[in-house]
Amino acid sequence: PNTNEFIVDSVGLANIGLSDVQFHFKGMNPNKVANLAYSLARYILNNDDIMIKDGDTIDGMNDEGKMTPEVQWICRYEDSLIEPLRPVLDIDTGKYAAGNRN
């Protein structure tokens, strides 16, 4: 396996009927991505009446690892890459994305 790739998954929100979030990436600090995943999961938990749709975007990170509205990452609902298998909100991290993106 390619050890340069990481997955950050919020495992747990699906248990209460909300979408978990998943980031599959390379070339970024995993701790910064985990912080972003936590923030996005918290947003979903606190705003369960506001559905993020396929194709919506969120603010991404620049090359210095700072969130910015100048970088937009696309959200898509996909199957999780790790157990337990479930639908997740997958965040396409653009040039940092790992795996096949069609």
N, C-alpha and C. Protein backbone atom coordinates (compact mmCIF):
# COMPACT_ATOMS: atom_id res chain seq x y z
N PRO A 1 0.81 -1.20 0.00
CA PRO A 1 0.00 0.00 0.00
C PRO A 1 0.85 1.26 0.00
N ASN A 2 0.28 2.32 -0.52
CA ASN A 2 0.97 3.61 -0.58
C ASN A 2 0.85 4.30 0.77
N THR A 3 1.96 4.39 1.50
CA THR A 3 1.93 4.98 2.84
C THR A 3 1.89 6.50 2.81
N ASN A 4 1.90 7.09 1.62
CA ASN A 4 1.80 8.54 1.52
C ASN A 4 0.35 9.02 1.49
N GLU A 5 -0.60 8.09 1.52
CA GLU A 5 -2.01 8.44 1.51
C GLU A 5 -2.61 8.29 2.90
N PHE A 6 -3.58 9.15 3.22
CA PHE A 6 -4.25 9.12 4.52
C PHE A 6 -5.75 9.14 4.32
N ILE A 7 -6.46 8.62 5.31
CA ILE A 7 -7.91 8.73 5.37
C ILE A 7 -8.26 9.28 6.74
N VAL A 8 -9.06 10.33 6.75
CA VAL A 8 -9.63 10.86 7.99
C VAL A 8 -11.13 10.65 7.85
N ASP A 9 -11.73 9.99 8.84
CA ASP A 9 -13.15 9.64 8.81
C ASP A 9 -13.75 9.95 10.17
N SER A 10 -14.91 10.57 10.18
CA SER A 10 -15.52 11.00 11.44
C SER A 10 -16.31 9.91 12.14
N VAL A 11 -16.25 8.69 11.72
CA VAL A 11 -17.01 7.55 12.26
C VAL A 11 -17.83 7.91 13.50
N GLY A 12 -19.15 7.73 13.38
CA GLY A 12 -20.02 7.94 14.54
C GLY A 12 -21.29 8.69 14.24
N LEU A 13 -21.23 9.67 13.34
CA LEU A 13 -22.44 10.45 13.05
C LEU A 13 -23.52 9.60 12.40
N ALA A 14 -23.12 8.62 11.59
CA ALA A 14 -24.11 7.75 10.94
C ALA A 14 -24.97 7.02 11.96
N ASN A 15 -24.42 6.76 13.14
CA ASN A 15 -25.16 6.06 14.19
C ASN A 15 -26.35 6.86 14.69
N ILE A 16 -26.33 8.18 14.48
CA ILE A 16 -27.46 9.01 14.92
C ILE A 16 -28.21 9.61 13.72
N GLY A 17 -28.02 9.01 12.54
CA GLY A 17 -28.78 9.40 11.37
C GLY A 17 -28.21 10.56 10.57
N LEU A 18 -26.97 10.95 10.85
CA LEU A 18 -26.32 12.04 10.12
C LEU A 18 -25.20 11.47 9.26
N SER A 19 -24.64 12.29 8.41
CA SER A 19 -23.56 11.85 7.53
C SER A 19 -22.20 11.98 8.19
N ASP A 20 -21.44 10.88 8.18
CA ASP A 20 -20.03 10.99 8.54
C ASP A 20 -19.31 11.69 7.40
N VAL A 21 -18.13 12.24 7.69
CA VAL A 21 -17.33 12.87 6.65
C VAL A 21 -16.04 12.09 6.47
N GLN A 22 -15.55 12.09 5.24
CA GLN A 22 -14.35 11.32 4.90
C GLN A 22 -13.45 12.17 4.00
N PHE A 23 -12.17 12.17 4.33
CA PHE A 23 -11.14 12.82 3.51
C PHE A 23 -10.12 11.74 3.14
N HIS A 24 -9.83 11.55 1.85
CA HIS A 24 -8.80 10.63 1.38
C HIS A 24 -7.79 11.49 0.62
N PHE A 25 -6.59 11.62 1.15
CA PHE A 25 -5.68 12.66 0.65
C PHE A 25 -4.22 12.25 0.77
N LYS A 26 -3.39 13.07 0.17
CA LYS A 26 -1.92 12.94 0.28
C LYS A 26 -1.33 14.34 0.21
N GLY A 27 -0.15 14.49 0.79
CA GLY A 27 0.56 15.77 0.68
C GLY A 27 0.09 16.86 1.62
N MET A 28 -0.75 16.52 2.61
CA MET A 28 -1.20 17.52 3.59
C MET A 28 -0.94 16.97 4.99
N ASN A 29 -0.86 17.86 5.94
CA ASN A 29 -0.69 17.48 7.33
C ASN A 29 -1.97 16.80 7.83
N PRO A 30 -1.91 15.51 8.21
CA PRO A 30 -3.13 14.81 8.64
C PRO A 30 -3.78 15.44 9.87
N ASN A 31 -3.01 16.06 10.74
CA ASN A 31 -3.60 16.71 11.92
C ASN A 31 -4.47 17.90 11.52
N LYS A 32 -4.03 18.66 10.51
CA LYS A 32 -4.83 19.80 10.05
C LYS A 32 -6.09 19.33 9.37
N VAL A 33 -5.99 18.22 8.62
CA VAL A 33 -7.19 17.67 7.96
C VAL A 33 -8.14 17.12 9.02
N ALA A 34 -7.62 16.49 10.06
CA ALA A 34 -8.46 15.97 11.14
C ALA A 34 -9.20 17.12 11.83
N ASN A 35 -8.53 18.24 12.02
CA ASN A 35 -9.19 19.41 12.61
C ASN A 35 -10.32 19.92 11.72
N LEU A 36 -10.07 19.94 10.41
CA LEU A 36 -11.10 20.36 9.47
C LEU A 36 -12.27 19.37 9.48
N ALA A 37 -11.97 18.07 9.52
CA ALA A 37 -13.02 17.05 9.57
C ALA A 37 -13.85 17.21 10.83
N TYR A 38 -13.21 17.47 11.95
CA TYR A 38 -13.91 17.70 13.21
C TYR A 38 -14.84 18.91 13.10
N SER A 39 -14.35 19.99 12.51
CA SER A 39 -15.16 21.19 12.34
C SER A 39 -16.36 20.92 11.43
N LEU A 40 -16.15 20.18 10.36
CA LEU A 40 -17.24 19.87 9.44
C LEU A 40 -18.25 18.94 10.12
N ALA A 41 -17.78 17.95 10.87
CA ALA A 41 -18.68 17.05 11.60
C ALA A 41 -19.49 17.83 12.63
N ARG A 42 -18.85 18.76 13.31
CA ARG A 42 -19.55 19.60 14.28
C ARG A 42 -20.62 20.45 13.59
N TYR A 43 -20.29 20.98 12.42
CA TYR A 43 -21.27 21.76 11.64
C TYR A 43 -22.48 20.89 11.30
N ILE A 44 -22.22 19.67 10.81
CA ILE A 44 -23.31 18.75 10.45
C ILE A 44 -24.16 18.43 11.67
N LEU A 45 -23.52 18.19 12.80
CA LEU A 45 -24.24 17.88 14.03
C LEU A 45 -25.10 19.05 14.50
N ASN A 46 -24.58 20.24 14.42
CA ASN A 46 -25.29 21.43 14.91
C ASN A 46 -26.29 22.01 13.92
N ASN A 47 -26.20 21.57 12.66
CA ASN A 47 -27.08 22.11 11.61
C ASN A 47 -27.73 20.97 10.83
N ASP A 48 -28.27 19.98 11.55
CA ASP A 48 -28.80 18.80 10.88
C ASP A 48 -29.98 19.11 9.97
N ASP A 49 -30.53 20.31 10.05
CA ASP A 49 -31.61 20.71 9.16
C ASP A 49 -31.09 21.30 7.85
N ILE A 50 -29.79 21.52 7.75
CA ILE A 50 -29.18 22.06 6.53
C ILE A 50 -28.38 20.95 5.86
N MET A 51 -28.91 20.42 4.78
CA MET A 51 -28.28 19.28 4.10
C MET A 51 -27.21 19.76 3.13
N ILE A 52 -26.02 19.23 3.26
CA ILE A 52 -24.98 19.46 2.26
C ILE A 52 -25.27 18.51 1.11
N LYS A 53 -25.33 19.02 -0.11
CA LYS A 53 -25.72 18.23 -1.28
C LYS A 53 -24.50 17.84 -2.11
N ASP A 54 -24.67 16.78 -2.93
CA ASP A 54 -23.65 16.41 -3.90
C ASP A 54 -23.30 17.64 -4.74
N GLY A 55 -22.01 17.91 -4.86
CA GLY A 55 -21.56 19.03 -5.67
C GLY A 55 -21.39 20.33 -4.91
N ASP A 56 -21.93 20.41 -3.69
CA ASP A 56 -21.67 21.60 -2.86
C ASP A 56 -20.18 21.67 -2.56
N THR A 57 -19.71 22.83 -2.17
CA THR A 57 -18.30 22.98 -1.84
C THR A 57 -18.13 23.50 -0.42
N ILE A 58 -16.94 23.23 0.12
CA ILE A 58 -16.54 23.80 1.41
C ILE A 58 -15.21 24.50 1.21
N ASP A 59 -14.87 25.39 2.12
CA ASP A 59 -13.55 26.03 2.08
C ASP A 59 -12.49 24.96 2.30
N GLY A 60 -11.47 24.98 1.45
CA GLY A 60 -10.37 24.04 1.57
C GLY A 60 -9.16 24.69 2.22
N MET A 61 -8.02 24.03 2.05
CA MET A 61 -6.77 24.54 2.62
C MET A 61 -5.79 24.91 1.52
N ASN A 62 -5.03 25.96 1.78
CA ASN A 62 -4.00 26.36 0.83
C ASN A 62 -2.73 25.54 1.09
N ASP A 63 -1.67 25.84 0.37
CA ASP A 63 -0.42 25.08 0.49
C ASP A 63 0.23 25.20 1.86
N GLU A 64 -0.14 26.23 2.62
CA GLU A 64 0.41 26.41 3.97
C GLU A 64 -0.46 25.71 5.03
N GLY A 65 -1.56 25.06 4.59
CA GLY A 65 -2.43 24.34 5.52
C GLY A 65 -3.43 25.22 6.23
N LYS A 66 -3.69 26.40 5.68
CA LYS A 66 -4.68 27.29 6.29
C LYS A 66 -5.98 27.24 5.48
N MET A 67 -7.12 27.18 6.21
CA MET A 67 -8.41 27.22 5.54
C MET A 67 -8.59 28.56 4.84
N THR A 68 -9.17 28.50 3.64
CA THR A 68 -9.39 29.71 2.88
C THR A 68 -10.56 29.54 1.93
N PRO A 69 -11.38 30.58 1.76
CA PRO A 69 -12.46 30.50 0.78
C PRO A 69 -11.95 30.54 -0.65
N GLU A 70 -10.67 30.84 -0.82
CA GLU A 70 -10.08 30.88 -2.16
C GLU A 70 -9.88 29.48 -2.73
N VAL A 71 -9.89 28.45 -1.86
CA VAL A 71 -9.77 27.06 -2.30
C VAL A 71 -11.08 26.37 -1.95
N GLN A 72 -11.77 25.84 -2.95
CA GLN A 72 -13.05 25.17 -2.74
C GLN A 72 -12.91 23.68 -3.03
N TRP A 73 -13.34 22.86 -2.08
CA TRP A 73 -13.32 21.40 -2.22
C TRP A 73 -14.74 20.91 -2.41
N ILE A 74 -14.92 19.98 -3.34
CA ILE A 74 -16.23 19.45 -3.71
C ILE A 74 -16.65 18.33 -2.76
N CYS A 75 -17.92 18.34 -2.36
CA CYS A 75 -18.51 17.33 -1.48
C CYS A 75 -19.34 16.36 -2.32
N ARG A 76 -19.18 15.06 -2.05
CA ARG A 76 -19.98 14.04 -2.73
C ARG A 76 -20.31 12.94 -1.74
N TYR A 77 -21.49 12.38 -1.89
CA TYR A 77 -21.86 11.23 -1.07
C TYR A 77 -21.35 9.96 -1.75
N GLU A 78 -20.56 9.18 -1.00
CA GLU A 78 -19.97 7.95 -1.50
C GLU A 78 -20.01 6.92 -0.38
N ASP A 79 -19.59 5.69 -0.70
CA ASP A 79 -19.44 4.67 0.33
C ASP A 79 -18.13 4.91 1.07
N SER A 80 -18.13 4.61 2.36
CA SER A 80 -16.92 4.80 3.16
C SER A 80 -15.81 3.87 2.67
N LEU A 81 -14.58 4.32 2.86
CA LEU A 81 -13.42 3.51 2.51
C LEU A 81 -12.98 2.60 3.65
N ILE A 82 -13.43 2.91 4.87
CA ILE A 82 -13.07 2.09 6.03
C ILE A 82 -14.34 1.58 6.71
N GLU A 83 -14.17 0.57 7.52
CA GLU A 83 -15.28 -0.01 8.27
C GLU A 83 -15.72 0.95 9.38
N PRO A 84 -16.97 0.94 9.75
CA PRO A 84 -18.05 0.18 9.13
C PRO A 84 -18.46 0.82 7.80
N LEU A 85 -18.84 -0.03 6.85
CA LEU A 85 -19.27 0.48 5.56
C LEU A 85 -20.58 1.22 5.72
N ARG A 86 -20.64 2.45 5.16
CA ARG A 86 -21.80 3.30 5.26
C ARG A 86 -21.63 4.45 4.28
N PRO A 87 -22.73 5.12 3.92
CA PRO A 87 -22.58 6.32 3.09
C PRO A 87 -21.89 7.42 3.90
N VAL A 88 -21.00 8.16 3.26
CA VAL A 88 -20.30 9.27 3.91
C VAL A 88 -20.29 10.47 2.96
N LEU A 89 -20.08 11.62 3.54
CA LEU A 89 -19.85 12.83 2.76
C LEU A 89 -18.34 12.87 2.49
N ASP A 90 -17.97 12.55 1.26
CA ASP A 90 -16.56 12.50 0.88
C ASP A 90 -16.15 13.88 0.37
N ILE A 91 -15.01 14.37 0.86
CA ILE A 91 -14.51 15.67 0.47
C ILE A 91 -13.36 15.49 -0.51
N ASP A 92 -13.54 15.96 -1.73
CA ASP A 92 -12.51 15.90 -2.76
C ASP A 92 -11.55 17.06 -2.52
N THR A 93 -10.35 16.73 -2.08
CA THR A 93 -9.37 17.74 -1.69
C THR A 93 -8.56 18.29 -2.87
N GLY A 94 -9.13 18.20 -4.06
CA GLY A 94 -8.49 18.79 -5.23
C GLY A 94 -7.13 18.18 -5.52
N LYS A 95 -6.12 19.02 -5.61
CA LYS A 95 -4.78 18.53 -5.98
C LYS A 95 -4.18 17.62 -4.92
N TYR A 96 -4.77 17.57 -3.72
CA TYR A 96 -4.30 16.69 -2.67
C TYR A 96 -5.07 15.37 -2.60
N ALA A 97 -6.04 15.19 -3.48
CA ALA A 97 -6.89 13.99 -3.44
C ALA A 97 -6.06 12.74 -3.73
N ALA A 98 -6.41 11.67 -3.03
CA ALA A 98 -5.80 10.36 -3.26
C ALA A 98 -6.86 9.43 -3.83
N GLY A 99 -6.42 8.36 -4.46
CA GLY A 99 -7.36 7.40 -5.04
C GLY A 99 -7.89 7.89 -6.37
N ASN A 100 -8.80 7.12 -6.93
CA ASN A 100 -9.42 7.48 -8.22
C ASN A 100 -10.56 8.44 -8.00
N ARG A 101 -10.55 9.52 -8.72
CA ARG A 101 -11.62 10.51 -8.68
C ARG A 101 -12.13 10.69 -10.10
N ASN A 102 -13.39 10.36 -10.30
CA ASN A 102 -13.97 10.50 -11.65
C ASN A 102 -14.92 11.66 -11.71
